[in-house]
Amino acid sequence: MKTKLKKIYPDSGVELSRFTALNYDKVMNFATLGFYRGFIQRSIKAMDIQPGDKILDLGCGTGRNACIMAKYLSEDGKIVGMDVSPIMERQFNKKCADHRNVAFVRQRIDRLFSLSEQFDKIFISFVIHGFPHDVRKIVLKNIFTHLKPGGSFFMLDFAEFNMNKMPPLHRFIFKKIECRYAFDFIDRDWKQILSDYHFSGFEEFFFVKNYVRLLKAEKAE
């Protein structure tokens, strides 16, 4: 009989059940009313990936995003996907098996870590909103440490909006699916938060009726 693991963040949805982890891409497609794949592809296109870029994909999940990014790379580029889940590791390695320059590292992103290298671009998609804010600060420290000077951080997640002004159906789905940390996330000024970590040069790309945003921030040279 399998023992159910105790969650580190009981009020969060970032720690997935086995069923959700095994069916993550399908769950995301359903939760976003079918918009997920489209805005992921548009977001990755907006990253302006160069053939030789070194990219760190934090909370990489099943490898769907890494496989899309890998299409923009030459043999000189590479992607390192990082996730704590062994279920995601198996899916990631299977999906990305044809990309020799894509690798997986099993590691918690909410603990300080060192990969002994820096990257041109760091990408995180629908992960950081699921942490308490003090834990998000640890994630941001990891991002700053592992990004090259002049490199770009891309955060694909919920935009800042007033949940009470959402159409009733959208508000119902958001409140039903998301955790309380997400409600906190959308109320914060993320450009100011990233400015406090010495990021600047912000660009924004909006999707799904402006409820989703790709926020680009640059690390100073």
N, C-alpha and C. Protein backbone atom coordinates (compact mmCIF):
# COMPACT_ATOMS: atom_id res chain seq x y z
N MET A 1 0.84 -1.20 0.00
CA MET A 1 0.00 0.00 0.00
C MET A 1 0.87 1.24 0.00
N LYS A 2 0.61 2.17 -0.95
CA LYS A 2 1.42 3.37 -1.05
C LYS A 2 1.01 4.39 0.00
N THR A 3 2.03 5.01 0.60
CA THR A 3 1.78 6.05 1.59
C THR A 3 1.64 7.40 0.88
N LYS A 4 0.62 8.12 1.22
CA LYS A 4 0.41 9.43 0.63
C LYS A 4 1.39 10.42 1.24
N LEU A 5 2.18 11.09 0.38
CA LEU A 5 3.18 12.02 0.86
C LEU A 5 2.53 13.28 1.42
N LYS A 6 3.09 13.76 2.52
CA LYS A 6 2.59 14.99 3.11
C LYS A 6 3.11 16.18 2.32
N LYS A 7 2.21 17.10 2.01
CA LYS A 7 2.61 18.27 1.24
C LYS A 7 3.43 19.25 2.09
N ILE A 8 4.42 19.86 1.45
CA ILE A 8 5.19 20.91 2.11
C ILE A 8 4.36 22.19 2.18
N TYR A 9 3.57 22.43 1.12
CA TYR A 9 2.72 23.62 1.05
C TYR A 9 1.26 23.16 0.92
N PRO A 10 0.59 22.89 2.05
CA PRO A 10 -0.77 22.33 2.01
C PRO A 10 -1.78 23.18 1.26
N ASP A 11 -1.57 24.50 1.24
CA ASP A 11 -2.53 25.39 0.60
C ASP A 11 -2.21 25.67 -0.86
N SER A 12 -1.26 24.92 -1.42
CA SER A 12 -0.81 25.16 -2.79
C SER A 12 -1.19 24.03 -3.71
N GLY A 13 -1.27 24.35 -5.01
CA GLY A 13 -1.49 23.33 -6.01
C GLY A 13 -0.23 22.96 -6.75
N VAL A 14 0.91 23.51 -6.33
CA VAL A 14 2.17 23.28 -7.05
C VAL A 14 2.69 21.86 -6.83
N GLU A 15 2.31 21.24 -5.72
CA GLU A 15 2.70 19.85 -5.47
C GLU A 15 1.58 18.95 -6.00
N LEU A 16 1.82 18.33 -7.13
CA LEU A 16 0.78 17.64 -7.87
C LEU A 16 0.53 16.23 -7.34
N SER A 17 -0.71 15.81 -7.46
CA SER A 17 -1.04 14.41 -7.19
C SER A 17 -0.45 13.55 -8.31
N ARG A 18 -0.36 12.26 -8.07
CA ARG A 18 0.17 11.35 -9.08
C ARG A 18 -0.67 11.41 -10.36
N PHE A 19 -1.99 11.43 -10.22
CA PHE A 19 -2.87 11.49 -11.39
C PHE A 19 -2.62 12.75 -12.20
N THR A 20 -2.55 13.91 -11.51
CA THR A 20 -2.35 15.17 -12.22
C THR A 20 -0.99 15.21 -12.89
N ALA A 21 0.04 14.70 -12.21
CA ALA A 21 1.39 14.68 -12.80
C ALA A 21 1.41 13.82 -14.06
N LEU A 22 0.74 12.67 -14.01
CA LEU A 22 0.73 11.77 -15.17
C LEU A 22 -0.07 12.34 -16.34
N ASN A 23 -1.01 13.23 -16.05
CA ASN A 23 -1.89 13.78 -17.08
C ASN A 23 -1.78 15.30 -17.17
N TYR A 24 -0.62 15.82 -16.83
CA TYR A 24 -0.48 17.27 -16.63
C TYR A 24 -0.85 18.08 -17.87
N ASP A 25 -0.35 17.70 -19.03
CA ASP A 25 -0.64 18.48 -20.24
C ASP A 25 -2.14 18.50 -20.54
N LYS A 26 -2.82 17.38 -20.36
CA LYS A 26 -4.26 17.32 -20.58
C LYS A 26 -5.00 18.18 -19.57
N VAL A 27 -4.54 18.15 -18.31
CA VAL A 27 -5.17 18.95 -17.27
C VAL A 27 -5.04 20.43 -17.59
N MET A 28 -3.85 20.85 -18.04
CA MET A 28 -3.63 22.26 -18.37
C MET A 28 -4.47 22.67 -19.57
N ASN A 29 -4.59 21.80 -20.54
CA ASN A 29 -5.45 22.11 -21.70
C ASN A 29 -6.89 22.34 -21.24
N PHE A 30 -7.37 21.49 -20.34
CA PHE A 30 -8.74 21.61 -19.84
C PHE A 30 -8.91 22.86 -18.99
N ALA A 31 -7.95 23.12 -18.09
CA ALA A 31 -8.06 24.25 -17.17
C ALA A 31 -8.03 25.59 -17.89
N THR A 32 -7.38 25.64 -19.06
CA THR A 32 -7.28 26.90 -19.81
C THR A 32 -8.25 26.93 -20.98
N LEU A 33 -9.24 26.03 -20.95
CA LEU A 33 -10.27 25.97 -22.00
C LEU A 33 -9.66 25.80 -23.39
N GLY A 34 -8.55 25.07 -23.46
CA GLY A 34 -7.92 24.77 -24.73
C GLY A 34 -6.91 25.79 -25.22
N PHE A 35 -6.70 26.86 -24.45
CA PHE A 35 -5.78 27.92 -24.87
C PHE A 35 -4.31 27.60 -24.60
N TYR A 36 -4.04 26.61 -23.78
CA TYR A 36 -2.69 26.41 -23.23
C TYR A 36 -1.62 26.25 -24.31
N ARG A 37 -1.80 25.32 -25.21
CA ARG A 37 -0.77 25.06 -26.21
C ARG A 37 -0.48 26.29 -27.06
N GLY A 38 -1.54 27.02 -27.42
CA GLY A 38 -1.36 28.18 -28.27
C GLY A 38 -0.53 29.27 -27.62
N PHE A 39 -0.86 29.63 -26.36
CA PHE A 39 -0.08 30.73 -25.77
C PHE A 39 1.30 30.28 -25.32
N ILE A 40 1.49 28.98 -25.09
CA ILE A 40 2.84 28.48 -24.83
C ILE A 40 3.71 28.69 -26.07
N GLN A 41 3.19 28.32 -27.23
CA GLN A 41 3.95 28.47 -28.47
C GLN A 41 4.23 29.94 -28.77
N ARG A 42 3.25 30.82 -28.55
CA ARG A 42 3.47 32.24 -28.80
C ARG A 42 4.45 32.83 -27.80
N SER A 43 4.39 32.35 -26.56
CA SER A 43 5.32 32.84 -25.54
C SER A 43 6.75 32.46 -25.88
N ILE A 44 6.95 31.22 -26.29
CA ILE A 44 8.31 30.77 -26.62
C ILE A 44 8.82 31.51 -27.85
N LYS A 45 7.95 31.79 -28.81
CA LYS A 45 8.36 32.59 -29.96
C LYS A 45 8.79 33.98 -29.53
N ALA A 46 8.09 34.55 -28.56
CA ALA A 46 8.41 35.90 -28.07
C ALA A 46 9.74 35.94 -27.31
N MET A 47 10.24 34.78 -26.89
CA MET A 47 11.51 34.74 -26.18
C MET A 47 12.70 35.05 -27.10
N ASP A 48 12.47 35.02 -28.41
CA ASP A 48 13.53 35.32 -29.39
C ASP A 48 14.77 34.45 -29.11
N ILE A 49 14.55 33.15 -29.05
CA ILE A 49 15.64 32.22 -28.77
C ILE A 49 16.63 32.20 -29.92
N GLN A 50 17.91 32.34 -29.58
CA GLN A 50 18.98 32.30 -30.57
C GLN A 50 19.56 30.89 -30.63
N PRO A 51 20.13 30.51 -31.79
CA PRO A 51 20.59 29.13 -31.97
C PRO A 51 21.56 28.63 -30.90
N GLY A 52 22.38 29.51 -30.37
CA GLY A 52 23.38 29.07 -29.40
C GLY A 52 23.00 29.33 -27.95
N ASP A 53 21.75 29.67 -27.68
CA ASP A 53 21.34 30.00 -26.32
C ASP A 53 21.44 28.79 -25.38
N LYS A 54 21.81 29.10 -24.14
CA LYS A 54 21.75 28.13 -23.05
C LYS A 54 20.55 28.53 -22.19
N ILE A 55 19.58 27.62 -22.03
CA ILE A 55 18.30 27.94 -21.40
C ILE A 55 18.07 27.02 -20.21
N LEU A 56 17.64 27.61 -19.09
CA LEU A 56 17.24 26.86 -17.91
C LEU A 56 15.73 26.96 -17.79
N ASP A 57 15.06 25.81 -17.79
CA ASP A 57 13.60 25.73 -17.70
C ASP A 57 13.23 25.23 -16.31
N LEU A 58 12.82 26.15 -15.43
CA LEU A 58 12.54 25.81 -14.04
C LEU A 58 11.11 25.29 -13.88
N GLY A 59 10.96 24.20 -13.12
CA GLY A 59 9.65 23.58 -12.99
C GLY A 59 9.19 23.09 -14.34
N CYS A 60 10.08 22.38 -15.04
CA CYS A 60 9.91 22.09 -16.47
C CYS A 60 8.79 21.12 -16.79
N GLY A 61 8.30 20.38 -15.79
CA GLY A 61 7.18 19.49 -16.04
C GLY A 61 7.48 18.39 -17.04
N THR A 62 6.55 18.16 -17.96
CA THR A 62 6.61 17.00 -18.86
C THR A 62 7.61 17.14 -20.00
N GLY A 63 8.19 18.33 -20.19
CA GLY A 63 9.10 18.55 -21.30
C GLY A 63 8.44 19.13 -22.54
N ARG A 64 7.14 19.38 -22.46
CA ARG A 64 6.44 19.95 -23.61
C ARG A 64 7.08 21.29 -24.02
N ASN A 65 7.32 22.16 -23.06
CA ASN A 65 7.88 23.46 -23.36
C ASN A 65 9.32 23.36 -23.86
N ALA A 66 10.10 22.49 -23.23
CA ALA A 66 11.50 22.33 -23.63
C ALA A 66 11.61 21.84 -25.07
N CYS A 67 10.73 20.94 -25.46
CA CYS A 67 10.76 20.43 -26.83
C CYS A 67 10.44 21.52 -27.84
N ILE A 68 9.54 22.42 -27.49
CA ILE A 68 9.23 23.54 -28.39
C ILE A 68 10.44 24.47 -28.48
N MET A 69 11.05 24.78 -27.34
CA MET A 69 12.22 25.66 -27.33
C MET A 69 13.38 25.06 -28.10
N ALA A 70 13.54 23.74 -28.01
CA ALA A 70 14.67 23.07 -28.64
C ALA A 70 14.66 23.23 -30.16
N LYS A 71 13.49 23.45 -30.75
CA LYS A 71 13.40 23.60 -32.19
C LYS A 71 14.11 24.86 -32.68
N TYR A 72 14.32 25.82 -31.78
CA TYR A 72 14.98 27.07 -32.16
C TYR A 72 16.50 26.99 -32.00
N LEU A 73 17.00 25.92 -31.43
CA LEU A 73 18.42 25.83 -31.08
C LEU A 73 19.22 25.07 -32.13
N SER A 74 20.50 25.43 -32.21
CA SER A 74 21.46 24.64 -32.98
C SER A 74 22.14 23.66 -32.04
N GLU A 75 23.12 22.95 -32.54
CA GLU A 75 23.87 22.02 -31.69
C GLU A 75 24.67 22.75 -30.62
N ASP A 76 24.90 24.05 -30.81
CA ASP A 76 25.65 24.83 -29.83
C ASP A 76 24.79 25.26 -28.65
N GLY A 77 23.49 25.23 -28.81
CA GLY A 77 22.60 25.61 -27.71
C GLY A 77 22.26 24.42 -26.84
N LYS A 78 21.63 24.71 -25.70
CA LYS A 78 21.19 23.61 -24.85
C LYS A 78 20.09 24.07 -23.91
N ILE A 79 19.34 23.10 -23.42
CA ILE A 79 18.28 23.35 -22.45
C ILE A 79 18.48 22.41 -21.27
N VAL A 80 18.40 22.97 -20.07
CA VAL A 80 18.39 22.16 -18.86
C VAL A 80 17.02 22.33 -18.22
N GLY A 81 16.28 21.24 -18.13
CA GLY A 81 14.99 21.26 -17.46
C GLY A 81 15.15 20.82 -16.02
N MET A 82 14.48 21.53 -15.11
CA MET A 82 14.61 21.20 -13.69
C MET A 82 13.23 21.01 -13.07
N ASP A 83 13.08 19.89 -12.38
CA ASP A 83 11.82 19.60 -11.70
C ASP A 83 12.13 18.60 -10.59
N VAL A 84 11.29 18.55 -9.58
CA VAL A 84 11.51 17.65 -8.45
C VAL A 84 10.83 16.30 -8.63
N SER A 85 9.92 16.19 -9.58
CA SER A 85 9.06 15.01 -9.70
C SER A 85 9.69 13.92 -10.56
N PRO A 86 9.81 12.70 -10.03
CA PRO A 86 10.29 11.58 -10.86
C PRO A 86 9.32 11.23 -11.98
N ILE A 87 8.03 11.50 -11.77
CA ILE A 87 7.04 11.26 -12.83
C ILE A 87 7.29 12.23 -13.98
N MET A 88 7.55 13.49 -13.66
CA MET A 88 7.86 14.47 -14.70
C MET A 88 9.19 14.12 -15.38
N GLU A 89 10.15 13.65 -14.61
CA GLU A 89 11.45 13.27 -15.19
C GLU A 89 11.27 12.22 -16.28
N ARG A 90 10.47 11.20 -16.01
CA ARG A 90 10.26 10.15 -17.01
C ARG A 90 9.56 10.69 -18.26
N GLN A 91 8.55 11.54 -18.06
CA GLN A 91 7.85 12.12 -19.21
C GLN A 91 8.76 13.06 -19.99
N PHE A 92 9.52 13.86 -19.27
CA PHE A 92 10.45 14.80 -19.90
C PHE A 92 11.46 14.06 -20.78
N ASN A 93 12.09 13.05 -20.22
CA ASN A 93 13.12 12.32 -20.96
C ASN A 93 12.54 11.60 -22.17
N LYS A 94 11.29 11.13 -22.06
CA LYS A 94 10.65 10.46 -23.19
C LYS A 94 10.33 11.47 -24.30
N LYS A 95 9.73 12.61 -23.92
CA LYS A 95 9.36 13.61 -24.91
C LYS A 95 10.58 14.21 -25.61
N CYS A 96 11.65 14.40 -24.86
CA CYS A 96 12.83 15.10 -25.39
C CYS A 96 13.94 14.16 -25.84
N ALA A 97 13.61 12.88 -26.00
CA ALA A 97 14.63 11.88 -26.32
C ALA A 97 15.37 12.17 -27.62
N ASP A 98 14.70 12.84 -28.56
CA ASP A 98 15.33 13.11 -29.86
C ASP A 98 16.20 14.36 -29.85
N HIS A 99 16.21 15.09 -28.72
CA HIS A 99 17.00 16.32 -28.63
C HIS A 99 18.23 16.06 -27.74
N ARG A 100 19.38 15.91 -28.36
CA ARG A 100 20.59 15.58 -27.61
C ARG A 100 21.07 16.72 -26.73
N ASN A 101 20.64 17.92 -27.03
CA ASN A 101 21.09 19.07 -26.24
C ASN A 101 20.08 19.49 -25.18
N VAL A 102 19.20 18.57 -24.81
CA VAL A 102 18.21 18.81 -23.76
C VAL A 102 18.44 17.79 -22.64
N ALA A 103 18.57 18.28 -21.41
CA ALA A 103 18.84 17.40 -20.27
C ALA A 103 17.93 17.75 -19.10
N PHE A 104 17.74 16.80 -18.22
CA PHE A 104 16.88 16.96 -17.04
C PHE A 104 17.73 16.90 -15.77
N VAL A 105 17.41 17.78 -14.82
CA VAL A 105 18.02 17.74 -13.49
C VAL A 105 16.90 17.69 -12.46
N ARG A 106 16.93 16.67 -11.61
CA ARG A 106 15.91 16.59 -10.57
C ARG A 106 16.38 17.39 -9.36
N GLN A 107 15.64 18.46 -9.08
CA GLN A 107 16.06 19.40 -8.05
C GLN A 107 14.88 20.28 -7.66
N ARG A 108 14.72 20.55 -6.40
CA ARG A 108 13.72 21.51 -5.95
C ARG A 108 14.16 22.92 -6.33
N ILE A 109 13.26 23.70 -6.90
CA ILE A 109 13.61 25.07 -7.25
C ILE A 109 13.32 26.04 -6.10
N ASP A 110 12.64 25.55 -5.06
CA ASP A 110 12.30 26.37 -3.90
C ASP A 110 13.33 26.23 -2.78
N ARG A 111 14.48 25.67 -3.11
CA ARG A 111 15.63 25.60 -2.21
C ARG A 111 16.82 26.14 -2.97
N LEU A 112 17.72 26.82 -2.29
CA LEU A 112 18.89 27.34 -2.98
C LEU A 112 19.71 26.18 -3.55
N PHE A 113 20.13 26.34 -4.79
CA PHE A 113 20.92 25.31 -5.45
C PHE A 113 22.01 25.96 -6.30
N SER A 114 22.96 25.15 -6.75
CA SER A 114 24.02 25.65 -7.62
C SER A 114 24.29 24.64 -8.72
N LEU A 115 24.19 25.10 -9.96
CA LEU A 115 24.51 24.27 -11.12
C LEU A 115 25.91 24.56 -11.65
N SER A 116 26.60 25.51 -11.02
CA SER A 116 27.97 25.87 -11.41
C SER A 116 28.06 26.38 -12.84
N GLU A 117 26.97 26.96 -13.35
CA GLU A 117 26.98 27.59 -14.66
C GLU A 117 25.84 28.61 -14.72
N GLN A 118 25.96 29.51 -15.67
CA GLN A 118 24.92 30.51 -15.87
C GLN A 118 24.33 30.37 -17.27
N PHE A 119 23.12 30.91 -17.44
CA PHE A 119 22.36 30.70 -18.66
C PHE A 119 22.02 32.02 -19.33
N ASP A 120 21.80 31.96 -20.65
CA ASP A 120 21.38 33.16 -21.40
C ASP A 120 19.93 33.51 -21.11
N LYS A 121 19.12 32.49 -20.92
CA LYS A 121 17.70 32.69 -20.68
C LYS A 121 17.23 31.71 -19.61
N ILE A 122 16.34 32.18 -18.75
CA ILE A 122 15.68 31.32 -17.77
C ILE A 122 14.18 31.49 -17.93
N PHE A 123 13.50 30.36 -17.97
CA PHE A 123 12.05 30.33 -18.24
C PHE A 123 11.36 29.60 -17.10
N ILE A 124 10.24 30.16 -16.63
CA ILE A 124 9.43 29.47 -15.64
C ILE A 124 7.97 29.69 -15.99
N SER A 125 7.22 28.60 -16.06
CA SER A 125 5.84 28.66 -16.56
C SER A 125 4.86 28.10 -15.54
N PHE A 126 3.99 28.94 -15.03
CA PHE A 126 2.90 28.55 -14.13
C PHE A 126 3.38 27.70 -12.96
N VAL A 127 4.43 28.18 -12.31
CA VAL A 127 4.97 27.51 -11.13
C VAL A 127 5.05 28.47 -9.95
N ILE A 128 5.63 29.65 -10.18
CA ILE A 128 5.99 30.53 -9.07
C ILE A 128 4.76 31.05 -8.33
N HIS A 129 3.62 31.14 -9.01
CA HIS A 129 2.41 31.63 -8.33
C HIS A 129 1.94 30.66 -7.25
N GLY A 130 2.36 29.40 -7.32
CA GLY A 130 1.89 28.40 -6.39
C GLY A 130 2.66 28.31 -5.09
N PHE A 131 3.65 29.20 -4.90
CA PHE A 131 4.43 29.21 -3.67
C PHE A 131 4.01 30.38 -2.77
N PRO A 132 4.20 30.23 -1.45
CA PRO A 132 4.08 31.40 -0.57
C PRO A 132 5.11 32.44 -0.98
N HIS A 133 4.87 33.70 -0.67
CA HIS A 133 5.72 34.75 -1.22
C HIS A 133 7.16 34.67 -0.71
N ASP A 134 7.36 34.25 0.53
CA ASP A 134 8.73 34.14 1.03
C ASP A 134 9.50 33.05 0.28
N VAL A 135 8.80 32.03 -0.21
CA VAL A 135 9.44 30.98 -1.00
C VAL A 135 9.72 31.48 -2.42
N ARG A 136 8.82 32.30 -2.96
CA ARG A 136 9.08 32.90 -4.28
C ARG A 136 10.40 33.66 -4.28
N LYS A 137 10.72 34.29 -3.17
CA LYS A 137 11.97 35.05 -3.08
C LYS A 137 13.18 34.14 -3.23
N ILE A 138 13.09 32.92 -2.73
CA ILE A 138 14.18 31.94 -2.90
C ILE A 138 14.31 31.57 -4.37
N VAL A 139 13.18 31.37 -5.03
CA VAL A 139 13.20 31.05 -6.46
C VAL A 139 13.85 32.18 -7.24
N LEU A 140 13.52 33.42 -6.91
CA LEU A 140 14.11 34.57 -7.59
C LEU A 140 15.61 34.66 -7.35
N LYS A 141 16.06 34.31 -6.17
CA LYS A 141 17.50 34.28 -5.90
C LYS A 141 18.20 33.25 -6.77
N ASN A 142 17.59 32.09 -6.91
CA ASN A 142 18.16 31.06 -7.79
C ASN A 142 18.23 31.55 -9.23
N ILE A 143 17.18 32.25 -9.66
CA ILE A 143 17.14 32.76 -11.03
C ILE A 143 18.24 33.78 -11.25
N PHE A 144 18.38 34.72 -10.32
CA PHE A 144 19.40 35.77 -10.47
C PHE A 144 20.80 35.16 -10.49
N THR A 145 21.04 34.19 -9.62
CA THR A 145 22.36 33.56 -9.53
C THR A 145 22.73 32.83 -10.81
N HIS A 146 21.74 32.19 -11.46
CA HIS A 146 22.04 31.34 -12.60
C HIS A 146 21.84 32.01 -13.96
N LEU A 147 21.53 33.31 -13.94
CA LEU A 147 21.37 34.05 -15.19
C LEU A 147 22.63 34.85 -15.48
N LYS A 148 23.09 34.79 -16.71
CA LYS A 148 24.27 35.56 -17.10
C LYS A 148 23.96 37.06 -17.05
N PRO A 149 24.95 37.90 -16.76
CA PRO A 149 24.74 39.35 -16.90
C PRO A 149 24.28 39.67 -18.32
N GLY A 150 23.22 40.44 -18.42
CA GLY A 150 22.62 40.73 -19.72
C GLY A 150 21.64 39.68 -20.19
N GLY A 151 21.50 38.60 -19.42
CA GLY A 151 20.56 37.54 -19.79
C GLY A 151 19.12 37.91 -19.47
N SER A 152 18.18 37.11 -19.97
CA SER A 152 16.76 37.43 -19.84
C SER A 152 16.02 36.35 -19.05
N PHE A 153 15.19 36.81 -18.13
CA PHE A 153 14.30 35.95 -17.36
C PHE A 153 12.89 36.10 -17.92
N PHE A 154 12.23 34.97 -18.16
CA PHE A 154 10.87 34.97 -18.69
C PHE A 154 9.95 34.25 -17.73
N MET A 155 8.96 34.96 -17.24
CA MET A 155 7.98 34.40 -16.31
C MET A 155 6.61 34.36 -16.99
N LEU A 156 6.19 33.16 -17.35
CA LEU A 156 4.86 32.98 -17.94
C LEU A 156 3.92 32.54 -16.82
N ASP A 157 2.95 33.38 -16.52
CA ASP A 157 2.07 33.10 -15.39
C ASP A 157 0.86 34.03 -15.47
N PHE A 158 0.08 34.04 -14.42
CA PHE A 158 -1.06 34.95 -14.40
C PHE A 158 -0.59 36.40 -14.41
N ALA A 159 -1.35 37.23 -15.08
CA ALA A 159 -1.10 38.67 -15.05
C ALA A 159 -1.65 39.25 -13.76
N GLU A 160 -1.44 40.55 -13.57
CA GLU A 160 -2.02 41.23 -12.42
C GLU A 160 -3.43 41.68 -12.80
N PHE A 161 -4.43 41.25 -12.04
CA PHE A 161 -5.81 41.65 -12.34
C PHE A 161 -6.65 41.53 -11.08
N ASN A 162 -7.81 42.17 -11.15
CA ASN A 162 -8.77 42.14 -10.05
C ASN A 162 -9.71 40.97 -10.27
N MET A 163 -9.59 39.95 -9.43
CA MET A 163 -10.40 38.74 -9.60
C MET A 163 -11.90 39.05 -9.54
N ASN A 164 -12.28 40.04 -8.75
CA ASN A 164 -13.70 40.35 -8.58
C ASN A 164 -14.31 40.98 -9.84
N LYS A 165 -13.46 41.43 -10.77
CA LYS A 165 -13.96 42.03 -12.00
C LYS A 165 -13.98 41.04 -13.16
N MET A 166 -13.60 39.80 -12.89
CA MET A 166 -13.65 38.78 -13.93
C MET A 166 -15.10 38.42 -14.26
N PRO A 167 -15.38 38.00 -15.50
CA PRO A 167 -16.70 37.46 -15.80
C PRO A 167 -16.99 36.28 -14.87
N PRO A 168 -18.23 36.06 -14.50
CA PRO A 168 -18.57 35.03 -13.51
C PRO A 168 -18.00 33.64 -13.82
N LEU A 169 -18.07 33.21 -15.09
CA LEU A 169 -17.56 31.88 -15.43
C LEU A 169 -16.05 31.80 -15.22
N HIS A 170 -15.33 32.82 -15.69
CA HIS A 170 -13.87 32.84 -15.54
C HIS A 170 -13.49 32.88 -14.06
N ARG A 171 -14.21 33.69 -13.30
CA ARG A 171 -13.92 33.78 -11.86
C ARG A 171 -14.19 32.46 -11.16
N PHE A 172 -15.26 31.78 -11.54
CA PHE A 172 -15.58 30.48 -10.94
C PHE A 172 -14.48 29.47 -11.22
N ILE A 173 -14.02 29.40 -12.48
CA ILE A 173 -12.97 28.45 -12.84
C ILE A 173 -11.67 28.77 -12.12
N PHE A 174 -11.32 30.05 -12.08
CA PHE A 174 -10.07 30.46 -11.42
C PHE A 174 -10.10 30.11 -9.94
N LYS A 175 -11.20 30.43 -9.27
CA LYS A 175 -11.30 30.15 -7.84
C LYS A 175 -11.38 28.65 -7.56
N LYS A 176 -11.98 27.91 -8.48
CA LYS A 176 -12.14 26.47 -8.29
C LYS A 176 -10.83 25.73 -8.47
N ILE A 177 -10.06 26.14 -9.45
CA ILE A 177 -8.84 25.41 -9.80
C ILE A 177 -7.62 25.90 -9.04
N GLU A 178 -7.52 27.20 -8.82
CA GLU A 178 -6.30 27.75 -8.25
C GLU A 178 -6.31 27.79 -6.72
N CYS A 179 -5.09 27.88 -6.17
CA CYS A 179 -4.90 27.92 -4.72
C CYS A 179 -4.87 29.36 -4.23
N ARG A 180 -4.86 29.53 -2.92
CA ARG A 180 -4.90 30.89 -2.36
C ARG A 180 -3.64 31.67 -2.67
N TYR A 181 -2.52 30.98 -2.90
CA TYR A 181 -1.28 31.70 -3.25
C TYR A 181 -1.42 32.39 -4.60
N ALA A 182 -2.21 31.82 -5.50
CA ALA A 182 -2.45 32.46 -6.79
C ALA A 182 -3.23 33.76 -6.61
N PHE A 183 -4.15 33.79 -5.65
CA PHE A 183 -4.92 35.01 -5.39
C PHE A 183 -4.00 36.12 -4.89
N ASP A 184 -3.00 35.74 -4.13
CA ASP A 184 -1.99 36.69 -3.66
C ASP A 184 -1.10 37.14 -4.81
N PHE A 185 -0.73 36.21 -5.69
CA PHE A 185 0.17 36.48 -6.80
C PHE A 185 -0.36 37.57 -7.71
N ILE A 186 -1.64 37.51 -8.06
CA ILE A 186 -2.20 38.45 -9.04
C ILE A 186 -2.35 39.86 -8.46
N ASP A 187 -2.23 40.00 -7.13
CA ASP A 187 -2.35 41.31 -6.50
C ASP A 187 -1.01 42.04 -6.38
N ARG A 188 0.07 41.36 -6.72
CA ARG A 188 1.40 41.94 -6.50
C ARG A 188 1.94 42.61 -7.77
N ASP A 189 2.79 43.62 -7.56
CA ASP A 189 3.45 44.34 -8.65
C ASP A 189 4.76 43.62 -8.97
N TRP A 190 4.72 42.76 -9.98
CA TRP A 190 5.88 41.91 -10.24
C TRP A 190 7.03 42.64 -10.90
N LYS A 191 6.76 43.71 -11.60
CA LYS A 191 7.88 44.50 -12.13
C LYS A 191 8.64 45.18 -10.99
N GLN A 192 7.93 45.64 -9.98
CA GLN A 192 8.61 46.24 -8.83
C GLN A 192 9.38 45.18 -8.05
N ILE A 193 8.78 44.01 -7.87
CA ILE A 193 9.46 42.92 -7.15
C ILE A 193 10.75 42.55 -7.87
N LEU A 194 10.69 42.40 -9.19
CA LEU A 194 11.88 42.04 -9.94
C LEU A 194 12.90 43.17 -9.96
N SER A 195 12.42 44.41 -9.92
CA SER A 195 13.34 45.55 -9.83
C SER A 195 14.16 45.48 -8.54
N ASP A 196 13.54 45.02 -7.47
CA ASP A 196 14.24 44.87 -6.19
C ASP A 196 15.34 43.82 -6.27
N TYR A 197 15.25 42.92 -7.26
CA TYR A 197 16.28 41.91 -7.47
C TYR A 197 17.22 42.29 -8.62
N HIS A 198 17.23 43.59 -8.93
CA HIS A 198 18.15 44.15 -9.92
C HIS A 198 17.85 43.69 -11.35
N PHE A 199 16.58 43.49 -11.64
CA PHE A 199 16.15 43.26 -13.01
C PHE A 199 15.56 44.55 -13.57
N SER A 200 15.65 44.70 -14.88
CA SER A 200 15.08 45.88 -15.54
C SER A 200 14.75 45.49 -16.99
N GLY A 201 14.51 46.51 -17.84
CA GLY A 201 14.24 46.25 -19.25
C GLY A 201 13.02 45.38 -19.47
N PHE A 202 11.94 45.70 -18.78
CA PHE A 202 10.76 44.84 -18.81
C PHE A 202 10.00 44.92 -20.13
N GLU A 203 9.51 43.77 -20.56
CA GLU A 203 8.58 43.68 -21.69
C GLU A 203 7.46 42.74 -21.28
N GLU A 204 6.25 43.00 -21.79
CA GLU A 204 5.08 42.19 -21.44
C GLU A 204 4.37 41.72 -22.68
N PHE A 205 3.92 40.46 -22.64
CA PHE A 205 3.14 39.87 -23.72
C PHE A 205 1.92 39.22 -23.06
N PHE A 206 0.72 39.61 -23.50
CA PHE A 206 -0.50 39.16 -22.83
C PHE A 206 -1.27 38.15 -23.69
N PHE A 207 -1.93 37.21 -22.98
CA PHE A 207 -2.70 36.16 -23.64
C PHE A 207 -3.99 35.91 -22.86
N VAL A 208 -4.89 35.14 -23.46
CA VAL A 208 -6.13 34.69 -22.81
C VAL A 208 -6.85 35.87 -22.15
N LYS A 209 -7.28 36.81 -22.99
CA LYS A 209 -8.03 37.98 -22.51
C LYS A 209 -7.28 38.75 -21.43
N ASN A 210 -5.96 38.78 -21.55
CA ASN A 210 -5.05 39.51 -20.64
C ASN A 210 -4.96 38.94 -19.24
N TYR A 211 -5.44 37.71 -19.04
CA TYR A 211 -5.31 37.07 -17.74
C TYR A 211 -3.95 36.37 -17.58
N VAL A 212 -3.29 36.12 -18.69
CA VAL A 212 -1.99 35.46 -18.68
C VAL A 212 -0.95 36.40 -19.28
N ARG A 213 0.24 36.41 -18.69
CA ARG A 213 1.29 37.33 -19.16
C ARG A 213 2.64 36.61 -19.20
N LEU A 214 3.37 36.87 -20.26
CA LEU A 214 4.79 36.54 -20.31
C LEU A 214 5.52 37.83 -19.95
N LEU A 215 6.19 37.83 -18.82
CA LEU A 215 6.94 39.00 -18.37
C LEU A 215 8.41 38.75 -18.57
N LYS A 216 9.05 39.59 -19.37
CA LYS A 216 10.48 39.49 -19.64
C LYS A 216 11.21 40.53 -18.79
N ALA A 217 12.31 40.10 -18.16
CA ALA A 217 13.13 41.01 -17.36
C ALA A 217 14.60 40.70 -17.63
N GLU A 218 15.41 41.73 -17.70
CA GLU A 218 16.82 41.54 -18.02
C GLU A 218 17.68 41.77 -16.78
N LYS A 219 18.72 40.96 -16.65
CA LYS A 219 19.70 41.12 -15.60
C LYS A 219 20.75 42.11 -16.06
N ALA A 220 21.11 43.06 -15.22
CA ALA A 220 22.06 44.10 -15.61
C ALA A 220 23.40 43.49 -16.03
N GLU A 221 24.05 44.14 -17.00
CA GLU A 221 25.37 43.70 -17.46
C GLU A 221 26.38 43.82 -16.32
